[in-house]
Amino acid sequence: MPVGPEMPTVSALQSIAKTYGLDIDPETMAGYRELIAGTIDACRFAEGLPEHKLPVKYPRDAGWRPTPEENPLNGWAWRSNIEGASTGILKGYRIGIKDAVCVAGIPMRNGSRLLEAYVPDVDATVVTRILDAGGTIVGKTNCEDFCFSGAGYTSSLGPVANPFDATRSPGASSSGSAAVLAANEADLAIGGDQGGSIRLPASWSGVYGLKPTYGLVPYTGCATMENTIDHVGPMANNAEGLARLLQATAGTDPLDPRQRGVIPATHNTDYLSQLKNGIEGKKIALVREGFAQDGKDVGFPPSDPEVDRRVEEAVRSLTKLGAIVEEISLPRHLDGYYIWSLIITLGSSEFMIKGAGIGSNWAGYYNTELGEALTRGLRTRPNDLPAAAIMVLLAGDYLQSRYGGRYYWKAQNQRHLIRDAYDAAFKQYDMLAMPTTPFTATKQVDRKASLVDYVAPTLNMLRNTCVADITGHPSISIPCGMVGGLPVGLMLTGRHLEDTLLMQAAAAFETLGDWRKM
């Protein structure tokens, strides 16, 4: 039996033709079948060649699924003890890796039943860099089902508990990364961010999270959602932890197409040495549209006035450290959600679901094993797709079938309107400030709830965070106080490649006291 695909029958090709509205008689189709033979031969040839793989440099065993007693917040998907190099800036640090990032030999679900049997055979670039820097990977952190949620209760492994109130969501989709940090079960963690999934859980769980400049940290070996807004970055319990982990993982990777032309040769990635430079003389703008949102235009809950007050107080307290704080209006900020919504919905429908998280037409590393595992899952267990992914698939297919790619194309061409508005503000200000989330952590939702009641709260908190995902600017969430016994996050966004300044601001804010008592 030949290795590779079999030759298609004429009837199989006619079935395909019908899906495209092509009317081809059997005799003509036989001719097409003959022409296709060359492509089938190429597939068979490719099967006999070795395939490039990402390196696996450090030994490890298979790890273990933690018991409930070992995993009180359900923040861990899997535990491990993978030791890296004998020296480096991460030596002695316990690091959790979001379960959307490949770690060879360790099961990876991406929060989904569709990947239950998948075990990667490669280490993501960020994983290799962490181990090269001496870090110890102590586990894969739980995440939302297909990462399609900002709340924290949709994972196929069960909901992740908020560290401050187990009845509430921890924020997501990097929910487990935030939870294990807050519970001191890890020192540092990796998260992913397509709409706020690093900063949302940082805000609701009281930790620090940085969505880096688009392309600064390579995404190679991570589960893709939408190529043009995929980000991976550091989470920690303080600014120093963010700087340490970013320093270990940032930098060019020729296998990641997101990085081309992003990082100049002159960019200084020694973030730790710059951390204590302070913010004296830096101008910070309170963005009016990030506060006091009524949410009615997009069906979201309104802002909590106490959250707004706490964030504004935190920003104005930075004047004690020499910062200059002013208020501005940036109307395009609120427009950002609409553009982001089209890109994430239509892009991930084609790229993540139909493209098995791999897609095509880009030069870089294609994770064949992951793509095949997801393809099998989608074919054999389509009803295990999460409700949010089904919503994306239905909306994407409807628009594609009626209008082609019109609305995705338009949204990609319109994202510059948001980016240009931000860049115009950055001509006068060094950082833009607003609440990470307009309100504190919401209640967990039971799986028995109605479809709308179950899905709506998974995305209703991200109007502020999603904007930096389409502009590509670095954006950080800093815990800045408590409201009703729950953490509040301050979000600062900076110019492209000025991630260092955001971490400097976080370090400066730490000198003002314990955020839990503010």
Protein backbone atom coordinates (compact mmCIF):
# COMPACT_ATOMS: atom_id res chain seq x y z
CA MET A 1 0.00 0.00 0.00
CA PRO A 2 1.54 3.36 -1.00
CA VAL A 3 2.52 5.85 1.70
CA GLY A 4 0.50 9.03 1.38
CA PRO A 5 -2.95 9.80 -0.06
CA GLU A 6 -4.77 7.51 -2.46
CA MET A 7 -5.82 8.80 -5.86
CA PRO A 8 -9.33 10.30 -5.67
CA THR A 9 -12.15 8.69 -7.64
CA VAL A 10 -14.05 10.61 -10.26
CA SER A 11 -17.18 10.55 -8.08
CA ALA A 12 -15.25 11.96 -5.10
CA LEU A 13 -14.00 14.83 -7.25
CA GLN A 14 -17.52 15.47 -8.57
CA SER A 15 -18.80 15.74 -4.99
CA ILE A 16 -16.15 18.35 -4.25
CA ALA A 17 -17.01 20.23 -7.45
CA LYS A 18 -20.65 20.44 -6.45
CA THR A 19 -19.78 22.24 -3.22
CA TYR A 20 -18.32 25.03 -5.38
CA GLY A 21 -21.22 25.09 -7.82
CA LEU A 22 -19.12 23.55 -10.60
CA ASP A 23 -21.00 21.47 -13.19
CA ILE A 24 -18.44 19.00 -14.60
CA ASP A 25 -19.40 15.88 -16.55
CA PRO A 26 -17.70 12.54 -15.70
CA GLU A 27 -15.56 12.46 -18.85
CA THR A 28 -14.12 15.93 -18.17
CA MET A 29 -13.63 15.08 -14.51
CA ALA A 30 -11.59 12.04 -15.51
CA GLY A 31 -9.24 14.46 -17.22
CA TYR A 32 -8.98 16.55 -14.06
CA ARG A 33 -8.25 13.35 -12.14
CA GLU A 34 -5.34 12.65 -14.46
CA LEU A 35 -3.99 16.19 -13.94
CA ILE A 36 -4.28 15.82 -10.16
CA ALA A 37 -2.04 12.75 -10.18
CA GLY A 38 1.08 14.94 -10.01
CA THR A 39 -0.09 16.53 -6.76
CA ILE A 40 -0.77 13.11 -5.24
CA ASP A 41 2.72 11.97 -6.27
CA ALA A 42 4.20 15.06 -4.57
CA CYS A 43 2.38 14.14 -1.36
CA ARG A 44 3.85 10.64 -1.48
CA PHE A 45 7.30 12.05 -2.10
CA ALA A 46 6.96 14.41 0.89
CA GLU A 47 6.12 11.46 3.14
CA GLY A 48 9.58 10.04 2.50
CA LEU A 49 11.48 13.20 3.54
CA PRO A 50 12.38 14.26 7.10
CA GLU A 51 10.42 17.19 8.53
CA HIS A 52 11.96 20.07 10.44
CA LYS A 53 11.09 19.97 14.15
CA LEU A 54 11.59 22.41 16.97
CA PRO A 55 14.38 21.20 19.28
CA VAL A 56 13.91 19.35 22.56
CA LYS A 57 17.13 20.00 24.49
CA TYR A 58 16.42 19.01 28.09
CA PRO A 59 15.42 15.60 29.52
CA ARG A 60 12.10 15.12 31.27
CA ASP A 61 9.62 12.45 32.28
CA ALA A 62 5.91 12.42 31.49
CA GLY A 63 4.86 14.32 34.64
CA TRP A 64 1.49 13.71 36.29
CA ARG A 65 -2.09 14.89 36.53
CA PRO A 66 -2.36 16.54 39.97
CA THR A 67 -4.87 15.37 42.54
CA PRO A 68 -7.52 17.80 43.81
CA GLU A 69 -5.47 18.16 47.00
CA GLU A 70 -2.44 19.19 44.92
CA ASN A 71 -4.55 21.51 42.80
CA PRO A 72 -6.99 23.42 45.05
CA LEU A 73 -7.76 26.17 42.50
CA ASN A 74 -7.67 23.77 39.53
CA GLY A 75 -4.98 26.02 38.08
CA TRP A 76 -2.88 23.12 36.84
CA ALA A 77 -3.70 20.98 33.80
CA TRP A 78 -0.59 18.85 34.33
CA ARG A 79 2.43 18.89 36.64
CA SER A 80 6.06 18.36 35.72
CA ASN A 81 9.60 19.00 36.89
CA ILE A 82 11.67 19.90 33.84
CA GLU A 83 14.99 21.43 34.84
CA GLY A 84 16.83 23.71 32.49
CA ALA A 85 20.43 24.88 32.27
CA SER A 86 22.61 24.99 35.36
CA THR A 87 22.89 28.78 35.23
CA GLY A 88 20.89 31.70 33.90
CA ILE A 89 18.53 34.51 34.91
CA LEU A 90 15.71 32.03 35.59
CA LYS A 91 17.75 29.62 37.73
CA GLY A 92 15.75 28.75 40.86
CA TYR A 93 12.45 29.98 39.40
CA ARG A 94 9.39 27.74 39.14
CA ILE A 95 7.56 28.45 35.91
CA GLY A 96 4.08 27.48 34.70
CA ILE A 97 3.33 27.22 30.99
CA LYS A 98 -0.15 27.88 29.64
CA ASP A 99 -1.65 24.70 28.20
CA ALA A 100 -1.81 26.28 24.76
CA VAL A 101 2.00 26.13 24.51
CA CYS A 102 3.81 22.96 23.44
CA VAL A 103 6.07 21.21 25.94
CA ALA A 104 7.41 17.97 24.48
CA GLY A 105 6.29 14.81 26.24
CA ILE A 106 3.67 16.63 28.34
CA PRO A 107 -0.04 16.33 27.41
CA MET A 108 -1.60 19.46 25.92
CA ARG A 109 -5.34 20.09 25.65
CA ASN A 110 -5.65 23.82 24.98
CA GLY A 111 -8.56 23.50 27.40
CA SER A 112 -10.45 21.23 24.99
CA ARG A 113 -11.74 17.66 24.82
CA LEU A 114 -10.76 17.63 21.15
CA LEU A 115 -7.07 17.35 22.09
CA GLU A 116 -7.37 14.87 24.96
CA ALA A 117 -4.85 12.40 23.50
CA TYR A 118 -2.37 14.92 22.11
CA VAL A 119 1.19 14.91 23.45
CA PRO A 120 3.52 17.37 21.67
CA ASP A 121 6.84 16.16 20.30
CA VAL A 122 8.38 19.65 20.27
CA ASP A 123 9.14 22.46 22.70
CA ALA A 124 7.79 25.90 21.81
CA THR A 125 10.51 28.50 21.33
CA VAL A 126 9.58 30.24 24.59
CA VAL A 127 9.88 26.91 26.43
CA THR A 128 13.38 26.30 25.07
CA ARG A 129 14.42 29.85 25.99
CA ILE A 130 13.07 29.46 29.53
CA LEU A 131 15.03 26.24 29.99
CA ASP A 132 18.14 27.76 28.40
CA ALA A 133 17.88 30.54 31.01
CA GLY A 134 17.90 27.99 33.85
CA GLY A 135 14.19 27.90 34.64
CA THR A 136 12.33 24.86 35.94
CA ILE A 137 8.99 24.12 34.28
CA VAL A 138 6.73 22.85 37.04
CA GLY A 139 3.59 22.31 34.97
CA LYS A 140 1.08 23.23 32.31
CA THR A 141 -1.53 25.69 33.52
CA ASN A 142 -5.23 25.21 32.88
CA CYS A 143 -6.85 27.46 30.28
CA GLU A 144 -10.24 28.07 28.73
CA ASP A 145 -11.70 25.70 26.14
CA PHE A 146 -9.91 26.64 22.88
CA CYS A 147 -8.98 29.86 24.77
CA PHE A 148 -12.33 31.32 23.66
CA SER A 149 -13.20 32.99 26.98
CA GLY A 150 -12.11 35.80 29.25
CA ALA A 151 -13.83 34.43 32.35
CA GLY A 152 -12.41 31.14 33.64
CA TYR A 153 -15.14 28.49 33.81
CA THR A 154 -15.15 26.81 30.36
CA SER A 155 -12.10 24.51 30.49
CA SER A 156 -12.79 20.85 29.79
CA LEU A 157 -10.84 20.14 32.99
CA GLY A 158 -13.32 22.22 34.98
CA PRO A 159 -13.43 25.84 36.13
CA VAL A 160 -10.46 27.59 37.68
CA ALA A 161 -11.26 29.26 40.99
CA ASN A 162 -10.54 32.91 41.69
CA PRO A 163 -7.83 33.03 44.40
CA PHE A 164 -9.81 35.65 46.35
CA ASP A 165 -13.29 34.11 46.03
CA ALA A 166 -13.75 30.57 44.72
CA THR A 167 -17.30 31.37 43.56
CA ARG A 168 -15.96 33.92 41.07
CA SER A 169 -14.01 33.68 37.85
CA PRO A 170 -10.25 34.26 37.86
CA GLY A 171 -10.18 35.94 34.45
CA ALA A 172 -9.00 34.12 31.33
CA SER A 173 -8.08 32.56 29.05
CA SER A 174 -4.74 32.27 30.90
CA SER A 175 -6.76 31.53 34.02
CA GLY A 176 -4.53 28.81 35.43
CA SER A 177 -1.38 30.90 35.01
CA ALA A 178 -2.88 33.66 37.15
CA ALA A 179 -4.26 31.25 39.75
CA VAL A 180 -1.02 29.35 40.37
CA LEU A 181 0.88 32.62 40.70
CA ALA A 182 -1.58 34.06 43.20
CA ALA A 183 -1.48 30.80 45.18
CA ASN A 184 2.37 30.85 45.18
CA GLU A 185 2.45 27.52 43.35
CA ALA A 186 4.69 29.08 40.68
CA ASP A 187 7.02 32.08 40.59
CA LEU A 188 6.46 33.03 36.96
CA ALA A 189 4.11 31.94 34.20
CA ILE A 190 3.55 32.19 30.47
CA GLY A 191 0.19 33.37 29.16
CA GLY A 192 -1.30 34.06 25.75
CA ASP A 193 -3.25 37.13 24.66
CA GLN A 194 -5.53 37.63 21.65
CA GLY A 195 -8.14 39.83 23.31
CA GLY A 196 -6.76 40.36 26.80
CA SER A 197 -6.05 36.83 27.99
CA ILE A 198 -2.88 37.79 29.88
CA ARG A 199 -4.19 41.03 31.35
CA LEU A 200 -7.76 39.93 32.19
CA PRO A 201 -6.71 37.15 34.60
CA ALA A 202 -3.96 39.38 35.95
CA SER A 203 -6.61 41.97 36.81
CA TRP A 204 -9.16 39.64 38.39
CA SER A 205 -6.64 37.45 40.22
CA GLY A 206 -4.35 40.17 41.52
CA VAL A 207 -1.14 39.43 39.60
CA TYR A 208 0.93 41.21 36.95
CA GLY A 209 0.57 40.50 33.24
CA LEU A 210 2.28 42.00 30.19
CA LYS A 211 1.05 41.63 26.63
CA PRO A 212 4.26 42.45 24.82
CA THR A 213 4.63 44.44 21.65
CA TYR A 214 3.26 42.30 18.80
CA GLY A 215 6.04 39.98 17.64
CA LEU A 216 8.49 40.76 20.46
CA VAL A 217 8.14 37.27 21.94
CA PRO A 218 8.02 34.44 19.38
CA TYR A 219 4.76 32.50 19.14
CA THR A 220 6.39 29.47 17.50
CA GLY A 221 5.04 26.24 18.95
CA CYS A 222 1.94 27.78 20.53
CA ALA A 223 -1.66 27.01 19.56
CA THR A 224 -2.68 29.68 17.09
CA MET A 225 -5.97 31.53 17.18
CA GLU A 226 -5.49 34.35 14.65
CA ASN A 227 -2.06 35.07 13.26
CA THR A 228 -2.33 38.85 13.24
CA ILE A 229 -3.31 39.20 16.91
CA ASP A 230 -1.55 36.24 18.57
CA HIS A 231 0.64 37.26 21.52
CA VAL A 232 2.46 35.26 24.19
CA GLY A 233 4.03 36.89 27.22
CA PRO A 234 4.97 36.93 30.91
CA MET A 235 2.87 36.85 34.06
CA ALA A 236 4.29 37.27 37.56
CA ASN A 237 3.70 38.49 41.10
CA ASN A 238 5.79 41.62 40.63
CA ALA A 239 7.38 43.82 37.99
CA GLU A 240 10.78 42.23 38.44
CA GLY A 241 9.30 38.84 37.55
CA LEU A 242 7.83 40.22 34.34
CA ALA A 243 11.16 41.75 33.34
CA ARG A 244 13.07 38.57 34.14
CA LEU A 245 10.78 36.32 32.12
CA LEU A 246 10.52 38.78 29.21
CA GLN A 247 14.30 39.08 29.07
CA ALA A 248 14.60 35.30 28.82
CA THR A 249 11.97 34.89 26.08
CA ALA A 250 12.02 38.02 23.88
CA GLY A 251 13.95 38.22 20.64
CA THR A 252 13.86 37.21 17.01
CA ASP A 253 12.90 33.75 15.78
CA PRO A 254 13.07 33.24 12.01
CA LEU A 255 10.34 30.60 12.27
CA ASP A 256 7.68 33.10 13.46
CA PRO A 257 6.19 35.26 10.67
CA ARG A 258 4.71 37.64 13.26
CA GLN A 259 8.20 38.99 13.98
CA ARG A 260 9.36 40.09 10.57
CA GLY A 261 10.43 43.70 10.69
CA VAL A 262 9.24 44.12 14.30
CA ILE A 263 12.46 44.07 16.35
CA PRO A 264 15.28 46.38 15.26
CA ALA A 265 18.87 45.31 15.87
CA THR A 266 19.26 48.20 18.31
CA HIS A 267 16.45 47.07 20.63
CA ASN A 268 17.73 46.56 24.17
CA THR A 269 16.31 43.37 25.70
CA ASP A 270 18.20 43.80 28.99
CA TYR A 271 14.95 44.69 30.75
CA LEU A 272 16.17 43.93 34.27
CA SER A 273 18.91 46.57 34.17
CA GLN A 274 16.37 49.24 33.19
CA LEU A 275 13.65 48.28 35.65
CA LYS A 276 14.53 50.82 38.36
CA ASN A 277 14.90 53.82 36.04
CA GLY A 278 11.68 55.32 37.36
CA ILE A 279 9.03 57.43 35.66
CA GLU A 280 10.03 60.96 36.60
CA GLY A 281 8.91 63.34 33.86
CA LYS A 282 6.87 60.71 32.05
CA LYS A 283 3.45 61.82 30.84
CA ILE A 284 0.49 59.55 31.50
CA ALA A 285 -2.94 60.13 29.96
CA LEU A 286 -6.12 58.94 31.65
CA VAL A 287 -8.22 57.88 28.65
CA ARG A 288 -11.76 59.05 29.33
CA GLU A 289 -13.35 56.40 27.10
CA GLY A 290 -11.77 53.62 29.19
CA PHE A 291 -13.78 54.75 32.22
CA ALA A 292 -17.51 55.06 32.97
CA GLN A 293 -18.60 52.80 30.13
CA ASP A 294 -22.33 52.05 30.05
CA GLY A 295 -21.76 49.06 27.77
CA LYS A 296 -25.19 49.33 26.14
CA ASP A 297 -23.89 49.63 22.58
CA VAL A 298 -22.21 46.21 22.79
CA GLY A 299 -24.43 44.54 25.39
CA PHE A 300 -21.82 44.59 28.16
CA PRO A 301 -22.34 45.45 31.85
CA PRO A 302 -21.53 49.02 32.86
CA SER A 303 -18.32 50.08 34.55
CA ASP A 304 -18.16 49.89 38.33
CA PRO A 305 -17.63 53.46 39.62
CA GLU A 306 -15.51 52.11 42.48
CA VAL A 307 -13.17 50.38 40.04
CA ASP A 308 -12.89 53.61 38.04
CA ARG A 309 -12.15 55.56 41.21
CA ARG A 310 -9.48 53.14 42.42
CA VAL A 311 -7.71 53.12 39.05
CA GLU A 312 -7.74 56.90 38.73
CA GLU A 313 -6.39 57.25 42.26
CA ALA A 314 -3.62 54.79 41.45
CA VAL A 315 -2.63 56.68 38.31
CA ARG A 316 -2.67 60.05 40.04
CA SER A 317 -0.53 58.64 42.86
CA LEU A 318 2.27 58.28 40.32
CA THR A 319 2.65 62.05 40.41
CA LYS A 320 4.39 61.48 43.76
CA LEU A 321 7.12 59.79 41.75
CA GLY A 322 7.47 62.62 39.25
CA ALA A 323 5.00 61.50 36.58
CA ILE A 324 2.70 64.01 34.90
CA VAL A 325 -0.94 62.90 34.72
CA GLU A 326 -3.56 64.45 32.47
CA GLU A 327 -6.92 63.39 31.04
CA ILE A 328 -7.64 62.99 27.34
CA SER A 329 -10.43 61.84 25.05
CA LEU A 330 -9.67 59.05 22.58
CA PRO A 331 -12.94 58.14 20.82
CA ARG A 332 -11.34 55.54 18.58
CA HIS A 333 -10.64 53.44 21.68
CA LEU A 334 -14.30 52.40 21.83
CA ASP A 335 -14.33 51.67 18.09
CA GLY A 336 -11.54 49.16 18.60
CA TYR A 337 -13.85 46.46 19.95
CA TYR A 338 -15.84 46.30 16.71
CA ILE A 339 -12.72 45.92 14.56
CA TRP A 340 -11.24 43.35 16.93
CA SER A 341 -14.52 41.41 16.99
CA LEU A 342 -14.51 40.98 13.21
CA ILE A 343 -10.84 39.96 13.09
CA ILE A 344 -11.08 37.44 15.91
CA THR A 345 -14.39 35.97 14.75
CA LEU A 346 -13.74 35.70 11.02
CA GLY A 347 -10.01 35.13 11.30
CA SER A 348 -10.16 32.36 13.88
CA SER A 349 -13.08 30.69 12.09
CA GLU A 350 -10.86 30.23 9.04
CA PHE A 351 -7.48 29.89 10.72
CA MET A 352 -8.10 28.07 13.98
CA ILE A 353 -11.14 25.93 13.24
CA LYS A 354 -11.10 25.29 9.49
CA GLY A 355 -7.31 25.58 9.37
CA ALA A 356 -6.84 23.30 12.41
CA GLY A 357 -4.92 26.01 14.23
CA ILE A 358 -2.24 25.98 11.54
CA GLY A 359 -3.66 27.71 8.49
CA SER A 360 -1.55 28.27 5.38
CA ASN A 361 0.16 30.90 3.23
CA TRP A 362 2.77 32.00 5.73
CA ALA A 363 6.46 31.15 5.99
CA GLY A 364 7.54 29.64 9.30
CA TYR A 365 7.18 26.54 11.45
CA TYR A 366 4.01 24.50 10.92
CA ASN A 367 3.24 22.19 13.83
CA THR A 368 2.06 19.19 11.79
CA GLU A 369 1.41 16.95 14.81
CA LEU A 370 -0.80 19.55 16.49
CA GLY A 371 -2.68 20.24 13.26
CA GLU A 372 -3.34 16.56 12.68
CA ALA A 373 -4.49 16.05 16.28
CA LEU A 374 -6.93 18.93 16.03
CA THR A 375 -8.15 17.77 12.62
CA ARG A 376 -8.90 14.32 14.08
CA GLY A 377 -10.70 15.88 17.01
CA LEU A 378 -12.82 18.11 14.81
CA ARG A 379 -13.79 15.21 12.56
CA THR A 380 -14.55 12.67 15.28
CA ARG A 381 -15.90 14.90 18.07
CA PRO A 382 -17.32 18.08 16.51
CA ASN A 383 -19.98 18.33 19.22
CA ASP A 384 -17.22 18.82 21.77
CA LEU A 385 -16.39 22.21 20.29
CA PRO A 386 -17.04 24.86 22.94
CA ALA A 387 -20.12 27.02 22.50
CA ALA A 388 -18.03 30.13 21.85
CA ALA A 389 -16.13 28.37 19.07
CA ILE A 390 -19.40 27.17 17.51
CA MET A 391 -20.66 30.76 17.64
CA VAL A 392 -17.49 31.88 15.84
CA LEU A 393 -17.79 29.10 13.26
CA LEU A 394 -21.43 29.85 12.49
CA ALA A 395 -20.90 33.60 12.24
CA GLY A 396 -17.78 33.18 10.15
CA ASP A 397 -19.36 30.66 7.75
CA TYR A 398 -22.52 32.73 7.35
CA LEU A 399 -20.62 35.88 6.45
CA GLN A 400 -18.16 33.99 4.24
CA SER A 401 -20.96 32.25 2.35
CA ARG A 402 -22.90 35.49 1.77
CA TYR A 403 -20.17 38.11 1.44
CA GLY A 404 -16.91 36.25 0.93
CA GLY A 405 -14.07 37.73 2.97
CA ARG A 406 -15.40 41.30 2.73
CA TYR A 407 -15.72 42.01 6.45
CA TYR A 408 -12.45 40.41 7.47
CA TRP A 409 -10.64 42.29 4.74
CA LYS A 410 -12.30 45.56 5.73
CA ALA A 411 -11.50 45.08 9.42
CA GLN A 412 -7.85 44.39 8.67
CA ASN A 413 -7.72 47.53 6.53
CA GLN A 414 -9.46 49.56 9.24
CA ARG A 415 -7.35 48.53 12.22
CA HIS A 416 -4.90 51.29 11.28
CA LEU A 417 -7.59 53.82 12.30
CA ILE A 418 -7.28 52.61 15.89
CA ARG A 419 -3.50 52.27 15.75
CA ASP A 420 -3.10 55.73 14.24
CA ALA A 421 -5.30 57.26 16.96
CA TYR A 422 -3.17 55.62 19.63
CA ASP A 423 0.06 56.69 17.92
CA ALA A 424 -1.21 60.26 17.74
CA ALA A 425 -1.79 60.20 21.50
CA PHE A 426 1.71 58.81 22.00
CA LYS A 427 3.17 61.89 20.36
CA GLN A 428 2.13 63.78 23.50
CA TYR A 429 2.04 61.06 26.16
CA ASP A 430 4.29 58.19 27.16
CA MET A 431 1.54 55.91 28.49
CA LEU A 432 -2.23 55.61 28.29
CA ALA A 433 -4.09 54.55 31.45
CA MET A 434 -7.48 53.00 32.16
CA PRO A 435 -8.98 50.07 34.10
CA THR A 436 -7.90 46.68 32.77
CA THR A 437 -11.45 45.46 33.31
CA PRO A 438 -14.40 47.81 33.96
CA PHE A 439 -15.54 45.72 36.94
CA THR A 440 -14.17 43.11 39.33
CA ALA A 441 -14.43 39.35 38.93
CA THR A 442 -17.89 38.06 38.09
CA LYS A 443 -19.60 34.93 39.37
CA GLN A 444 -18.81 31.54 37.86
CA VAL A 445 -21.56 30.26 35.56
CA ASP A 446 -22.85 26.70 35.78
CA ARG A 447 -22.73 24.54 32.65
CA LYS A 448 -26.48 23.95 33.05
CA ALA A 449 -27.21 27.62 32.36
CA SER A 450 -28.87 28.59 29.09
CA LEU A 451 -26.58 29.03 26.10
CA VAL A 452 -26.77 32.82 26.16
CA ASP A 453 -26.31 33.02 29.93
CA TYR A 454 -23.32 30.69 29.71
CA VAL A 455 -21.50 32.34 26.80
CA ALA A 456 -22.24 36.07 27.25
CA PRO A 457 -20.17 36.50 30.46
CA THR A 458 -17.10 34.99 28.78
CA LEU A 459 -16.44 38.08 26.66
CA ASN A 460 -18.16 41.00 28.37
CA MET A 461 -15.11 42.34 30.21
CA LEU A 462 -12.58 42.83 27.41
CA ARG A 463 -13.51 46.10 25.77
CA ASN A 464 -10.43 47.87 27.12
CA THR A 465 -7.96 45.03 26.70
CA CYS A 466 -8.79 43.91 23.15
CA VAL A 467 -7.70 47.20 21.59
CA ALA A 468 -3.95 46.70 22.11
CA ASP A 469 -4.23 43.31 20.42
CA ILE A 470 -5.18 44.96 17.14
CA THR A 471 -2.81 47.93 17.51
CA GLY A 472 0.12 45.76 18.61
CA HIS A 473 1.16 48.16 21.38
CA PRO A 474 2.54 46.70 24.62
CA SER A 475 0.02 46.72 27.46
CA ILE A 476 0.35 45.77 31.12
CA SER A 477 -2.05 45.06 33.97
CA ILE A 478 -0.84 46.10 37.43
CA PRO A 479 -2.78 45.21 40.59
CA CYS A 480 -3.65 48.55 42.16
CA GLY A 481 -6.16 47.93 44.95
CA MET A 482 -9.26 46.10 46.12
CA VAL A 483 -12.97 46.72 45.68
CA GLY A 484 -15.37 44.54 47.64
CA GLY A 485 -12.57 42.16 48.58
CA LEU A 486 -11.58 41.60 44.93
CA PRO A 487 -8.51 42.84 43.01
CA VAL A 488 -8.57 45.77 40.60
CA GLY A 489 -6.18 46.07 37.67
CA LEU A 490 -4.64 49.24 36.25
CA MET A 491 -3.83 48.94 32.55
CA LEU A 492 -1.03 50.99 31.01
CA THR A 493 -0.37 50.89 27.27
CA GLY A 494 2.81 52.24 25.67
CA ARG A 495 4.49 52.88 22.37
CA HIS A 496 5.63 49.96 20.24
CA LEU A 497 8.73 48.32 21.75
CA GLU A 498 8.52 50.45 24.91
CA ASP A 499 7.59 47.44 27.02
CA THR A 500 10.41 48.43 29.38
CA LEU A 501 8.69 51.68 30.34
CA LEU A 502 5.51 49.82 31.34
CA MET A 503 7.50 47.55 33.64
CA GLN A 504 9.32 50.59 35.04
CA ALA A 505 5.96 52.13 35.86
CA ALA A 506 4.87 48.90 37.56
CA ALA A 507 8.08 48.80 39.60
CA ALA A 508 7.64 52.46 40.55
CA PHE A 509 4.06 51.87 41.65
CA GLU A 510 5.26 49.05 43.93
CA THR A 511 7.29 51.58 45.92
CA LEU A 512 4.05 53.30 46.99
CA GLY A 513 3.00 50.36 49.17
CA ASP A 514 1.12 47.07 49.21
CA TRP A 515 -1.60 47.23 46.55
CA ARG A 516 -3.88 45.06 48.72
CA LYS A 517 -4.10 47.87 51.26
CA MET A 518 -4.72 50.70 48.82
